[in-house]
N, C-alpha and C. Protein backbone atom coordinates (compact mmCIF):
# COMPACT_ATOMS: atom_id res chain seq x y z
N MET A 1 47.71 105.75 -116.26
CA MET A 1 47.88 103.98 -115.61
C MET A 1 49.51 103.57 -115.60
N ILE A 2 50.31 104.22 -115.42
CA ILE A 2 51.61 104.06 -115.14
C ILE A 2 52.08 103.86 -114.45
N PHE A 3 52.31 105.10 -113.64
CA PHE A 3 52.37 105.70 -112.35
C PHE A 3 51.59 104.67 -111.47
N PRO A 4 50.15 104.15 -111.41
CA PRO A 4 50.20 103.15 -110.20
C PRO A 4 51.22 101.59 -110.55
N ARG A 5 50.97 101.67 -111.98
CA ARG A 5 51.90 100.11 -112.17
C ARG A 5 53.36 100.36 -111.55
N ALA A 6 54.06 101.99 -111.61
CA ALA A 6 55.14 101.38 -110.54
C ALA A 6 55.11 101.54 -109.85
N LEU A 7 54.25 102.48 -108.98
CA LEU A 7 53.48 102.36 -107.56
C LEU A 7 53.86 100.73 -106.58
N CYS A 8 53.03 100.50 -107.50
CA CYS A 8 52.78 99.01 -107.04
C CYS A 8 54.25 98.14 -107.01
N LEU A 9 55.36 98.18 -108.95
CA LEU A 9 56.06 98.00 -107.98
C LEU A 9 56.94 97.97 -107.39
N VAL A 10 57.31 99.43 -107.56
CA VAL A 10 58.15 99.88 -106.20
C VAL A 10 57.77 98.61 -104.43
N LEU A 11 56.80 99.28 -104.38
CA LEU A 11 56.17 98.80 -102.71
C LEU A 11 56.12 97.16 -103.38
N GLY A 12 55.81 96.52 -104.03
CA GLY A 12 56.42 95.03 -104.36
C GLY A 12 57.33 94.96 -104.09
N ILE A 13 58.47 95.07 -104.69
CA ILE A 13 60.36 95.56 -104.19
C ILE A 13 60.30 95.39 -102.66
N ALA A 14 59.62 97.34 -101.98
CA ALA A 14 59.77 96.97 -101.06
C ALA A 14 59.66 95.85 -100.17
N LEU A 15 58.59 95.80 -100.07
CA LEU A 15 58.19 94.53 -99.12
C LEU A 15 58.47 93.23 -99.66
N PHE A 16 59.24 92.77 -100.66
CA PHE A 16 59.87 91.52 -101.25
C PHE A 16 61.38 91.62 -100.11
N SER A 17 61.75 93.02 -100.30
CA SER A 17 63.15 92.97 -99.49
C SER A 17 62.97 93.20 -98.07
N GLY A 18 62.21 93.86 -97.74
CA GLY A 18 61.31 93.86 -96.34
C GLY A 18 61.58 92.26 -95.74
N ARG A 19 60.85 91.02 -96.52
CA ARG A 19 61.01 89.64 -95.97
C ARG A 19 62.33 89.27 -95.75
N LEU A 20 63.01 89.80 -96.97
CA LEU A 20 64.16 88.92 -96.83
C LEU A 20 64.95 89.63 -95.49
N VAL A 21 65.14 90.42 -95.21
CA VAL A 21 65.59 91.06 -94.13
C VAL A 21 65.30 90.59 -92.78
N ALA A 22 63.75 90.14 -93.12
CA ALA A 22 62.98 89.52 -91.79
C ALA A 22 63.21 88.19 -91.47
N ALA A 23 63.46 87.10 -92.90
CA ALA A 23 63.48 85.91 -92.77
C ALA A 23 64.87 85.87 -91.92
N PRO A 24 66.09 86.17 -91.73
CA PRO A 24 66.88 85.39 -90.23
C PRO A 24 66.28 85.73 -89.15
N GLU A 25 66.52 86.66 -89.03
CA GLU A 25 65.23 86.71 -87.21
C GLU A 25 64.10 85.66 -87.30
N ASP A 26 63.15 86.11 -88.48
CA ASP A 26 62.28 84.90 -88.05
C ASP A 26 62.38 83.51 -87.79
N ASP A 27 63.77 82.60 -88.66
CA ASP A 27 64.87 81.81 -88.80
C ASP A 27 64.91 81.32 -87.03
N TYR A 28 65.57 82.52 -86.32
CA TYR A 28 66.48 82.57 -85.50
C TYR A 28 65.00 82.06 -84.03
N GLN A 29 63.73 83.04 -84.11
CA GLN A 29 62.80 82.49 -83.56
C GLN A 29 62.30 81.23 -83.29
N ALA A 30 62.06 80.99 -84.87
CA ALA A 30 61.54 79.74 -84.67
C ALA A 30 62.47 78.57 -84.02
N GLY A 31 63.74 78.02 -84.32
CA GLY A 31 64.64 77.56 -83.81
C GLY A 31 64.95 77.58 -82.54
N LEU A 32 64.65 79.19 -81.68
CA LEU A 32 64.79 79.06 -80.48
C LEU A 32 63.66 78.64 -79.72
N LYS A 33 62.67 79.06 -80.32
CA LYS A 33 61.78 78.66 -79.69
C LYS A 33 61.25 76.56 -79.75
N SER A 34 62.02 76.20 -80.82
CA SER A 34 61.81 75.05 -80.83
C SER A 34 62.99 74.34 -79.73
N TYR A 35 63.92 74.83 -80.00
CA TYR A 35 65.32 74.43 -78.61
C TYR A 35 64.66 74.95 -77.13
N ARG A 36 64.15 75.66 -77.05
CA ARG A 36 63.57 76.05 -75.87
C ARG A 36 61.90 74.80 -75.00
N ASN A 37 61.98 74.68 -76.42
CA ASN A 37 60.73 73.14 -76.15
C ASN A 37 61.30 71.48 -76.24
N GLY A 38 62.58 71.52 -75.93
CA GLY A 38 63.38 70.38 -76.31
C GLY A 38 63.45 69.64 -77.64
N ASP A 39 62.95 70.46 -78.56
CA ASP A 39 63.13 69.72 -79.94
C ASP A 39 64.09 70.25 -80.41
N ILE A 40 65.76 69.84 -80.68
CA ILE A 40 66.69 70.16 -80.93
C ILE A 40 67.19 70.28 -82.11
N VAL A 41 66.18 68.77 -82.79
CA VAL A 41 66.33 68.35 -84.07
C VAL A 41 65.69 69.53 -84.64
N GLY A 42 64.28 69.63 -84.60
CA GLY A 42 63.49 70.96 -85.39
C GLY A 42 64.14 71.98 -84.99
N ALA A 43 64.72 72.24 -83.81
CA ALA A 43 65.83 73.71 -84.05
C ALA A 43 66.62 73.84 -85.15
N MET A 44 67.79 72.72 -85.28
CA MET A 44 68.59 73.30 -85.88
C MET A 44 68.43 73.50 -87.53
N SER A 45 67.17 73.16 -88.29
CA SER A 45 67.48 74.32 -89.84
C SER A 45 66.99 75.16 -89.77
N PRO A 46 66.19 75.62 -88.82
CA PRO A 46 66.17 77.40 -89.10
C PRO A 46 66.95 77.71 -88.35
N LEU A 47 67.85 77.39 -87.62
CA LEU A 47 69.34 77.74 -87.55
C LEU A 47 69.84 78.14 -87.98
N ARG A 48 70.04 77.42 -88.40
CA ARG A 48 71.04 76.77 -89.33
C ARG A 48 71.25 77.87 -90.82
N GLN A 49 70.20 78.12 -91.08
CA GLN A 49 69.74 79.05 -92.22
C GLN A 49 69.59 80.07 -91.53
N ALA A 50 69.46 80.70 -90.60
CA ALA A 50 69.52 82.18 -90.03
C ALA A 50 71.74 82.15 -89.55
N SER A 51 72.00 81.33 -89.07
CA SER A 51 73.22 81.33 -89.02
C SER A 51 74.21 81.85 -90.46
N LEU A 52 73.44 81.40 -91.92
CA LEU A 52 74.16 81.23 -93.10
C LEU A 52 73.88 82.38 -93.57
N GLU A 53 72.83 83.25 -93.33
CA GLU A 53 72.53 84.46 -93.81
C GLU A 53 73.80 85.51 -92.93
N GLY A 54 74.25 84.71 -91.50
CA GLY A 54 74.84 86.06 -90.75
C GLY A 54 74.23 86.29 -89.42
N HIS A 55 73.32 85.65 -88.85
CA HIS A 55 72.62 86.42 -88.08
C HIS A 55 73.14 85.66 -86.66
N ALA A 56 73.37 86.71 -86.03
CA ALA A 56 74.78 86.15 -84.67
C ALA A 56 74.36 85.55 -83.55
N LYS A 57 73.14 85.75 -83.55
CA LYS A 57 72.61 85.02 -82.28
C LYS A 57 72.19 83.78 -82.48
N ALA A 58 71.67 83.43 -83.82
CA ALA A 58 71.68 81.84 -84.54
C ALA A 58 72.98 81.40 -84.16
N GLN A 59 74.17 82.15 -84.53
CA GLN A 59 74.90 81.57 -84.85
C GLN A 59 75.32 80.81 -83.09
N ALA A 60 75.43 81.73 -82.19
CA ALA A 60 75.77 81.51 -81.08
C ALA A 60 74.75 80.42 -80.53
N LEU A 61 73.47 80.48 -81.10
CA LEU A 61 72.69 78.80 -80.02
C LEU A 61 73.50 77.91 -81.49
N LEU A 62 73.31 77.73 -82.03
CA LEU A 62 73.77 76.38 -82.88
C LEU A 62 74.91 76.29 -82.49
N ALA A 63 75.72 77.41 -82.75
CA ALA A 63 77.22 76.82 -81.68
C ALA A 63 77.01 76.02 -80.60
N GLU A 64 76.13 76.70 -79.87
CA GLU A 64 75.95 76.05 -78.47
C GLU A 64 75.27 74.29 -78.83
N ILE A 65 74.48 74.14 -79.72
CA ILE A 65 74.11 72.74 -79.79
C ILE A 65 75.23 72.56 -80.56
N LEU A 66 75.96 72.11 -81.40
CA LEU A 66 77.19 71.62 -82.02
C LEU A 66 78.22 71.29 -80.70
N ASP A 67 78.53 72.12 -79.89
CA ASP A 67 79.29 72.22 -78.94
C ASP A 67 78.83 70.96 -77.74
N ARG A 68 77.58 71.05 -77.88
CA ARG A 68 77.18 69.51 -76.70
C ARG A 68 77.26 67.87 -77.38
N THR A 69 77.38 68.48 -78.51
CA THR A 69 77.06 66.93 -79.33
C THR A 69 78.65 66.84 -79.77
N ASP A 70 79.34 67.56 -79.49
CA ASP A 70 80.86 67.33 -80.02
C ASP A 70 81.43 67.71 -81.09
N PHE A 71 80.70 68.24 -81.94
CA PHE A 71 80.66 68.73 -83.62
C PHE A 71 81.63 70.25 -83.11
N ASP A 72 83.32 69.80 -82.32
CA ASP A 72 83.49 71.20 -81.46
C ASP A 72 84.37 72.27 -83.08
N ASP A 73 84.76 71.51 -84.02
CA ASP A 73 85.32 72.35 -85.29
C ASP A 73 83.54 73.36 -85.31
N ASP A 74 82.86 72.98 -85.75
CA ASP A 74 81.61 73.68 -86.70
C ASP A 74 80.71 74.52 -85.54
N ALA A 75 81.34 74.35 -84.32
CA ALA A 75 80.71 75.29 -83.39
C ALA A 75 82.06 76.19 -83.16
N ILE A 76 83.31 75.86 -82.31
CA ILE A 76 83.88 77.21 -82.44
C ILE A 76 84.03 78.39 -84.23
N ALA A 77 83.87 77.65 -85.05
CA ALA A 77 83.52 78.39 -85.90
C ALA A 77 82.30 79.59 -85.91
N LEU A 78 81.50 79.22 -85.09
CA LEU A 78 80.14 79.44 -85.64
C LEU A 78 80.80 80.57 -84.16
N TYR A 79 80.59 80.14 -83.25
CA TYR A 79 81.08 80.80 -81.98
C TYR A 79 81.94 82.36 -82.16
N ARG A 80 82.85 82.06 -83.44
CA ARG A 80 83.79 83.02 -83.99
C ARG A 80 83.07 84.04 -84.48
N LYS A 81 82.50 83.49 -85.62
CA LYS A 81 81.52 84.40 -86.53
C LYS A 81 80.33 84.91 -85.48
N SER A 82 80.03 84.85 -84.53
CA SER A 82 78.72 85.14 -83.72
C SER A 82 79.70 86.47 -82.82
N ALA A 83 81.08 86.25 -82.21
CA ALA A 83 81.97 86.93 -81.61
C ALA A 83 82.06 88.03 -81.81
N ASN A 84 82.83 87.97 -83.19
CA ASN A 84 83.31 88.84 -83.52
C ASN A 84 82.04 90.01 -84.64
N GLN A 85 80.96 89.53 -84.17
CA GLN A 85 79.56 90.92 -84.51
C GLN A 85 79.63 91.04 -83.15
N GLY A 86 79.55 90.58 -82.45
CA GLY A 86 79.19 91.52 -80.89
C GLY A 86 78.27 90.69 -80.21
N ASP A 87 77.84 89.55 -80.22
CA ASP A 87 76.66 88.94 -79.39
C ASP A 87 78.19 88.27 -78.25
N LEU A 88 77.33 88.94 -77.29
CA LEU A 88 77.97 88.05 -75.86
C LEU A 88 77.41 86.66 -75.49
N ASP A 89 76.97 85.88 -76.26
CA ASP A 89 77.20 84.30 -76.00
C ASP A 89 78.06 84.00 -77.01
N GLY A 90 77.90 84.52 -78.16
CA GLY A 90 79.42 84.01 -78.96
C GLY A 90 80.56 84.52 -78.64
N MET A 91 80.86 85.78 -77.85
CA MET A 91 81.72 85.50 -76.60
C MET A 91 82.68 84.68 -75.88
N PHE A 92 81.24 84.72 -74.92
CA PHE A 92 81.34 83.37 -73.70
C PHE A 92 81.42 81.92 -74.28
N GLY A 93 80.98 81.53 -75.33
CA GLY A 93 80.82 80.60 -75.71
C GLY A 93 82.70 80.22 -76.40
N LEU A 94 83.05 81.03 -77.29
CA LEU A 94 84.10 81.32 -77.77
C LEU A 94 85.13 81.28 -76.68
N GLY A 95 84.92 81.70 -75.69
CA GLY A 95 86.12 82.25 -74.94
C GLY A 95 86.09 80.95 -74.00
N VAL A 96 85.10 79.92 -73.52
CA VAL A 96 84.85 78.65 -73.13
C VAL A 96 85.41 77.69 -73.62
N MET A 97 85.35 77.96 -74.92
CA MET A 97 86.02 76.65 -75.84
C MET A 97 87.66 76.79 -75.84
N THR A 98 87.80 77.86 -76.01
CA THR A 98 89.46 78.33 -76.24
C THR A 98 90.13 77.76 -75.06
N VAL A 99 89.40 78.04 -73.92
CA VAL A 99 90.31 77.95 -72.88
C VAL A 99 89.74 76.28 -72.75
N SER A 100 89.32 75.86 -72.99
CA SER A 100 89.01 74.30 -72.90
C SER A 100 89.79 73.34 -73.81
N GLY A 101 90.27 73.94 -74.91
CA GLY A 101 90.94 73.79 -76.14
C GLY A 101 90.00 72.75 -77.21
N GLU A 102 89.14 73.25 -76.86
CA GLU A 102 88.12 72.54 -77.64
C GLU A 102 88.12 73.16 -78.99
N GLY A 103 88.08 71.99 -80.31
CA GLY A 103 87.96 73.02 -81.45
C GLY A 103 89.00 73.89 -81.72
N THR A 104 90.07 74.04 -80.84
CA THR A 104 91.04 75.03 -81.16
C THR A 104 92.45 74.71 -80.54
N LYS A 105 93.55 75.51 -80.41
CA LYS A 105 94.76 74.83 -79.52
C LYS A 105 94.08 75.49 -78.28
N LYS A 106 94.14 74.99 -76.70
CA LYS A 106 93.58 75.20 -75.77
C LYS A 106 94.82 76.53 -75.32
N ASP A 107 94.14 77.82 -74.64
CA ASP A 107 94.56 78.80 -74.63
C ASP A 107 94.04 80.21 -73.28
N LEU A 108 94.65 79.46 -72.13
CA LEU A 108 93.82 80.31 -71.64
C LEU A 108 93.51 81.52 -71.39
N LEU A 109 94.49 82.31 -71.72
CA LEU A 109 94.61 83.91 -71.47
C LEU A 109 93.79 84.64 -72.53
N ALA A 110 93.82 83.75 -73.85
CA ALA A 110 93.20 84.28 -74.94
C ALA A 110 91.69 84.26 -74.84
N GLY A 111 91.16 82.63 -74.04
CA GLY A 111 89.94 82.27 -73.92
C GLY A 111 89.67 83.62 -72.96
N ARG A 112 90.29 83.94 -71.79
CA ARG A 112 89.82 84.59 -70.79
C ARG A 112 89.81 85.98 -71.72
N VAL A 113 90.17 86.27 -72.61
CA VAL A 113 89.92 87.61 -73.18
C VAL A 113 88.66 87.76 -73.58
N TRP A 114 87.85 87.21 -74.00
CA TRP A 114 86.74 86.74 -74.83
C TRP A 114 85.60 86.88 -73.77
N ILE A 115 86.04 86.14 -72.95
CA ILE A 115 84.62 85.91 -71.70
C ILE A 115 84.83 86.75 -70.64
N LEU A 116 85.76 87.80 -70.42
CA LEU A 116 86.12 89.02 -69.95
C LEU A 116 85.06 90.25 -70.95
N LYS A 117 85.41 89.98 -71.75
CA LYS A 117 84.53 91.25 -72.76
C LYS A 117 82.87 90.96 -72.37
N ALA A 118 82.58 89.11 -72.66
CA ALA A 118 81.12 89.48 -72.73
C ALA A 118 80.71 89.99 -70.71
N ALA A 119 81.86 88.95 -69.68
CA ALA A 119 81.61 90.11 -68.46
C ALA A 119 81.06 91.93 -68.12
N GLU A 120 82.35 92.49 -68.98
CA GLU A 120 82.34 93.13 -69.10
C GLU A 120 81.15 94.43 -69.57
N SER A 121 80.15 93.44 -70.44
CA SER A 121 79.32 93.72 -71.18
C SER A 121 78.23 93.14 -70.15
N GLY A 122 77.84 92.83 -69.38
CA GLY A 122 76.90 92.45 -68.24
C GLY A 122 76.84 90.66 -68.29
N HIS A 123 76.73 89.71 -69.42
CA HIS A 123 76.42 88.69 -69.48
C HIS A 123 76.64 87.83 -68.17
N LEU A 124 75.73 87.23 -67.36
CA LEU A 124 75.44 86.73 -66.15
C LEU A 124 76.73 85.67 -66.18
N LEU A 125 76.59 84.27 -67.55
CA LEU A 125 77.31 83.32 -67.09
C LEU A 125 79.11 83.42 -67.42
N ALA A 126 79.30 85.00 -67.95
CA ALA A 126 80.81 85.65 -67.89
C ALA A 126 81.04 85.83 -67.42
N ILE A 127 80.60 87.03 -66.14
CA ILE A 127 80.49 87.09 -65.21
C ILE A 127 80.80 86.23 -64.16
N ASN A 128 80.17 85.77 -64.01
CA ASN A 128 80.82 84.19 -62.55
C ASN A 128 81.53 83.02 -62.65
N ALA A 129 81.88 83.40 -64.69
CA ALA A 129 83.04 82.72 -64.80
C ALA A 129 84.48 83.06 -64.21
N ILE A 130 84.49 84.54 -64.69
CA ILE A 130 85.74 85.54 -63.90
C ILE A 130 85.79 85.28 -63.11
N ALA A 131 84.16 85.62 -62.09
CA ALA A 131 84.58 85.34 -60.75
C ALA A 131 84.94 84.10 -60.14
N GLN A 132 84.52 83.49 -60.62
CA GLN A 132 85.49 81.63 -60.71
C GLN A 132 86.91 81.44 -60.96
N GLY A 133 87.11 82.15 -61.74
CA GLY A 133 88.42 82.22 -62.25
C GLY A 133 89.62 83.01 -61.17
N TYR A 134 88.46 83.70 -60.54
CA TYR A 134 90.00 84.66 -59.32
C TYR A 134 89.53 83.69 -58.03
N LEU A 135 88.63 82.95 -57.50
CA LEU A 135 88.31 82.22 -56.55
C LEU A 135 88.92 81.13 -56.49
N LYS A 136 88.96 80.48 -57.41
CA LYS A 136 89.62 78.87 -57.78
C LYS A 136 91.47 79.15 -58.49
N GLY A 137 92.09 80.39 -59.25
CA GLY A 137 92.80 80.66 -59.72
C GLY A 137 92.76 79.77 -61.02
N GLU A 138 91.58 79.69 -61.79
CA GLU A 138 91.32 78.61 -62.64
C GLU A 138 91.73 80.16 -64.32
N LEU A 139 91.42 80.28 -65.59
CA LEU A 139 91.69 81.20 -66.83
C LEU A 139 93.21 81.47 -66.72
N GLY A 140 93.96 81.25 -66.02
CA GLY A 140 95.24 81.26 -65.82
C GLY A 140 95.55 82.64 -64.94
N PHE A 141 94.55 83.04 -63.74
CA PHE A 141 94.98 84.04 -62.90
C PHE A 141 95.62 83.77 -61.77
N THR A 142 97.11 84.71 -61.87
CA THR A 142 97.76 84.09 -60.27
C THR A 142 97.14 84.11 -59.16
N ASP A 143 98.16 83.74 -58.18
CA ASP A 143 98.14 84.10 -56.64
C ASP A 143 97.90 85.52 -56.19
N ALA A 144 98.90 86.27 -56.74
CA ALA A 144 99.06 87.91 -56.76
C ALA A 144 97.54 88.47 -57.22
N GLU A 145 96.95 88.10 -58.42
CA GLU A 145 96.31 88.32 -58.97
C GLU A 145 94.20 88.05 -58.07
N ARG A 146 94.45 86.35 -57.59
CA ARG A 146 93.38 86.94 -57.13
C ARG A 146 92.70 86.86 -55.09
N ASN A 147 93.57 88.20 -55.11
CA ASN A 147 93.01 88.82 -53.79
C ASN A 147 93.81 90.62 -53.84
N THR A 148 92.99 90.71 -54.98
CA THR A 148 92.95 92.06 -55.52
C THR A 148 91.67 93.02 -55.50
N PRO A 149 91.78 94.58 -55.74
CA PRO A 149 90.22 94.89 -55.80
C PRO A 149 89.80 94.43 -56.70
N ASP A 150 90.32 93.92 -57.98
CA ASP A 150 89.67 93.63 -58.94
C ASP A 150 88.98 92.44 -59.15
N ALA A 151 90.08 91.48 -58.02
CA ALA A 151 89.44 90.25 -57.87
C ALA A 151 87.94 90.40 -56.99
N LEU A 152 87.96 91.56 -55.91
CA LEU A 152 86.67 91.37 -54.97
C LEU A 152 85.34 92.19 -55.97
N ARG A 153 85.71 92.94 -56.90
CA ARG A 153 85.00 93.51 -57.61
C ARG A 153 83.94 93.01 -58.44
N TRP A 154 85.29 91.89 -58.87
CA TRP A 154 84.35 90.65 -59.40
C TRP A 154 83.31 89.63 -58.77
N VAL A 155 83.92 89.65 -58.24
CA VAL A 155 83.53 88.55 -56.81
C VAL A 155 81.90 89.19 -56.56
N LYS A 156 81.77 90.02 -56.32
CA LYS A 156 80.93 91.01 -55.54
C LYS A 156 79.55 90.84 -56.64
N ARG A 157 80.18 91.18 -58.12
CA ARG A 157 79.52 90.77 -59.34
C ARG A 157 78.64 89.97 -59.26
N ALA A 158 79.35 89.08 -58.93
CA ALA A 158 78.77 87.02 -59.12
C ALA A 158 77.76 87.32 -58.03
N ALA A 159 78.42 87.74 -56.61
CA ALA A 159 77.42 87.73 -55.72
C ALA A 159 75.77 87.84 -56.11
N GLU A 160 75.87 89.33 -56.97
CA GLU A 160 74.66 90.16 -57.55
C GLU A 160 73.99 89.09 -58.36
N ASN A 161 74.53 88.39 -59.03
CA ASN A 161 73.84 86.57 -59.70
C ASN A 161 73.24 86.00 -58.76
N ASP A 162 73.34 85.99 -57.54
CA ASP A 162 72.96 84.76 -57.24
C ASP A 162 74.29 83.82 -56.94
N TYR A 163 75.39 84.51 -57.47
CA TYR A 163 76.34 82.87 -57.46
C TYR A 163 76.69 83.01 -55.88
N LEU A 164 76.44 81.04 -55.89
CA LEU A 164 76.87 80.61 -54.53
C LEU A 164 77.74 81.01 -54.24
N PRO A 165 78.90 80.54 -54.99
CA PRO A 165 80.31 80.40 -54.71
C PRO A 165 80.56 81.45 -54.09
N ALA A 166 80.79 82.86 -55.00
CA ALA A 166 81.07 84.05 -54.21
C ALA A 166 80.18 84.56 -53.39
N ILE A 167 78.82 84.12 -53.42
CA ILE A 167 77.80 84.74 -51.91
C ILE A 167 78.87 83.95 -50.85
N ASP A 168 79.08 82.73 -50.85
CA ASP A 168 79.98 81.91 -49.77
C ASP A 168 81.03 82.57 -49.04
N VAL A 169 81.63 82.88 -50.17
CA VAL A 169 83.34 83.32 -49.81
C VAL A 169 83.40 84.43 -49.26
N LEU A 170 82.11 85.74 -49.62
CA LEU A 170 81.83 87.21 -49.43
C LEU A 170 81.88 86.86 -47.93
N ALA A 171 80.62 85.98 -47.05
CA ALA A 171 79.99 85.91 -46.19
C ALA A 171 81.04 85.22 -45.08
N ALA A 172 82.27 84.76 -45.34
CA ALA A 172 83.14 84.12 -44.85
C ALA A 172 84.01 85.46 -44.59
N ALA A 173 84.46 86.38 -46.09
CA ALA A 173 85.54 87.12 -45.49
C ALA A 173 84.58 87.97 -44.47
N TYR A 174 83.91 88.41 -44.65
CA TYR A 174 83.14 89.64 -44.11
C TYR A 174 83.21 89.14 -42.50
N SER A 175 82.76 88.36 -42.21
CA SER A 175 82.63 87.10 -40.72
C SER A 175 85.00 87.05 -39.95
N SER A 176 85.31 87.26 -40.95
CA SER A 176 86.65 86.69 -40.54
C SER A 176 87.57 87.65 -40.71
N GLY A 177 87.47 88.50 -41.73
CA GLY A 177 88.26 89.43 -42.50
C GLY A 177 89.73 89.20 -42.47
N ASN A 178 89.91 87.99 -43.27
CA ASN A 178 91.02 87.35 -43.67
C ASN A 178 91.42 87.29 -45.24
N ALA A 179 90.32 88.05 -46.28
CA ALA A 179 90.53 87.85 -47.35
C ALA A 179 90.22 88.80 -48.33
N PHE A 180 90.61 88.93 -49.08
CA PHE A 180 90.31 89.95 -49.92
C PHE A 180 90.67 91.91 -49.12
N GLY A 181 91.18 91.37 -48.54
CA GLY A 181 91.52 93.17 -47.03
C GLY A 181 90.49 93.42 -46.77
N LEU A 182 89.38 92.67 -46.48
CA LEU A 182 88.49 93.21 -46.43
C LEU A 182 88.24 93.23 -44.68
N PRO A 183 87.51 94.26 -44.16
CA PRO A 183 87.26 93.80 -42.45
C PRO A 183 86.44 93.23 -42.10
N VAL A 184 86.35 92.73 -40.63
CA VAL A 184 85.37 92.36 -39.68
C VAL A 184 83.94 93.51 -40.32
N ASP A 185 83.18 92.82 -40.72
CA ASP A 185 81.75 93.03 -40.43
C ASP A 185 80.64 92.17 -40.61
N ARG A 186 80.31 92.19 -39.19
CA ARG A 186 79.18 90.85 -38.68
C ARG A 186 78.00 91.20 -39.95
N GLY A 187 77.40 92.71 -40.09
CA GLY A 187 76.04 93.13 -40.79
C GLY A 187 76.45 92.00 -41.72
N LEU A 188 77.47 92.61 -42.89
CA LEU A 188 77.75 91.96 -44.16
C LEU A 188 77.45 91.19 -44.26
N SER A 189 78.59 89.84 -43.30
CA SER A 189 78.25 88.54 -43.64
C SER A 189 77.31 88.00 -43.19
N GLU A 190 76.37 88.83 -42.43
CA GLU A 190 74.98 88.26 -42.43
C GLU A 190 74.38 87.78 -43.56
N GLN A 191 74.02 89.17 -44.03
CA GLN A 191 73.42 89.65 -45.18
C GLN A 191 74.05 88.21 -46.25
N TYR A 192 74.91 88.60 -46.51
CA TYR A 192 75.42 87.61 -47.44
C TYR A 192 75.19 85.82 -46.86
N GLN A 193 75.14 85.29 -46.02
CA GLN A 193 74.61 84.18 -45.46
C GLN A 193 73.35 84.03 -45.49
N ALA A 194 72.46 84.88 -45.48
CA ALA A 194 70.84 85.15 -45.35
C ALA A 194 70.68 84.85 -46.76
N GLN A 195 71.73 85.39 -47.55
CA GLN A 195 71.14 85.47 -48.84
C GLN A 195 71.69 84.33 -49.48
N ALA A 196 72.54 83.09 -49.00
CA ALA A 196 72.95 81.89 -49.46
C ALA A 196 71.42 81.06 -48.75
N ASN A 197 71.06 81.43 -47.76
CA ASN A 197 70.04 80.56 -47.43
C ASN A 197 69.10 80.71 -48.15
N ARG A 198 68.64 81.27 -48.34
CA ARG A 198 67.63 81.99 -49.74
C ARG A 198 67.87 81.18 -50.87
N ILE A 199 68.93 81.05 -50.90
CA ILE A 199 69.09 80.23 -52.70
C ILE A 199 68.89 78.58 -52.49
N ARG A 200 69.46 78.47 -51.37
CA ARG A 200 69.40 77.34 -51.12
C ARG A 200 67.71 76.80 -50.49
N SER A 201 67.41 77.83 -50.22
CA SER A 201 65.78 77.55 -49.85
C SER A 201 66.33 76.49 -48.03
N LEU A 202 67.25 77.39 -47.52
CA LEU A 202 67.94 76.70 -46.08
C LEU A 202 66.90 77.36 -44.99
N ASP A 203 66.10 76.74 -43.83
CA ASP A 203 66.00 76.67 -42.66
C ASP A 203 66.77 77.51 -41.45
N PRO A 204 67.30 78.05 -41.16
CA PRO A 204 69.10 78.58 -40.79
C PRO A 204 68.71 77.95 -39.41
N GLY A 205 67.85 78.15 -38.83
CA GLY A 205 67.43 77.68 -38.18
C GLY A 205 67.31 75.66 -37.40
N LYS A 206 67.16 75.89 -38.91
CA LYS A 206 67.28 73.64 -37.97
C LYS A 206 68.27 73.50 -39.29
N GLY A 207 68.77 73.84 -40.68
CA GLY A 207 69.79 73.19 -41.06
C GLY A 207 69.39 72.65 -42.36
N LYS A 208 68.22 72.58 -42.36
CA LYS A 208 67.89 71.65 -43.38
C LYS A 208 66.94 72.24 -44.68
N LYS A 209 66.18 71.55 -45.73
CA LYS A 209 65.82 72.38 -46.98
C LYS A 209 64.20 72.03 -46.26
N LYS A 210 63.34 73.35 -46.20
CA LYS A 210 62.11 73.55 -46.34
C LYS A 210 61.33 72.79 -46.83
N GLN A 211 60.04 72.25 -46.48
CA GLN A 211 59.03 71.37 -47.22
C GLN A 211 58.71 72.47 -48.45
N ARG A 212 58.61 72.14 -49.37
CA ARG A 212 57.46 73.15 -50.03
C ARG A 212 56.04 73.12 -50.00
N ARG A 213 55.57 73.93 -49.63
CA ARG A 213 54.08 73.89 -49.78
C ARG A 213 53.40 73.38 -50.86
N LEU A 214 52.19 72.28 -51.12
CA LEU A 214 51.55 72.05 -51.97
C LEU A 214 50.74 73.21 -52.46
C-alpha cells in the first residue's frame, strides 16, 4: 500500500504545481476578458496578480490601463518589466512613454530604440509609429534620414497595415516621383489610392462616403 500512497502524493504535487504554473495565465485571461468587455475595474485585480508573478503580457496590459489613468510611475515600471522579458506590447509602451517623458525623463532616441525593437518583430502599432516618425520628423529622425531607403521600407510596411498616412504619401510619391527617390509609376499610385479609398469607404466617382446597406 506504500507505493500507491506515494504515487498519489507525487501526482498530487504535480497537479498542485501545474495549477500554480497555470495561475498567472489564468489570471491574465480573466483580466483580458474583463478589459475587452469594458470592465476596467474588474480587469485590474487579476492582471495585478498575474503581474506580480511575472506574467509579461499581464504587466503590459496593466501598464496600459495605469498609463491611461495617469499613474505614470507604476505604468512605466510595469512596461519595463514586460519589455525586458521580450513582450512586444511592453517594448512599445515603454518606448512611447520614454519618448513622451511620462514617468521618466524624456528621451527620443532611447524611446525609439524600444519602439523599433517592437516594430522589427512585427508589432503593428510600432511599425506605424516608426513610419510616422519618418514622415513627420518625429522620434528624433533627422531630415536626412527621412528620405532614405530605410524610411521608404518602413513607410511601405505601414501601408501594408492599412496605415492611411503612409498610403497617402506613397500614392502621391508614385504620382509625382518627388519623394524617396521613387520614379513616377501611375499604376502603383492608383493602387495605393484605391487602397486609401477602400479604407475610407469612399466612392472615387462621387468623392463621398458610401451609405452602408442595412
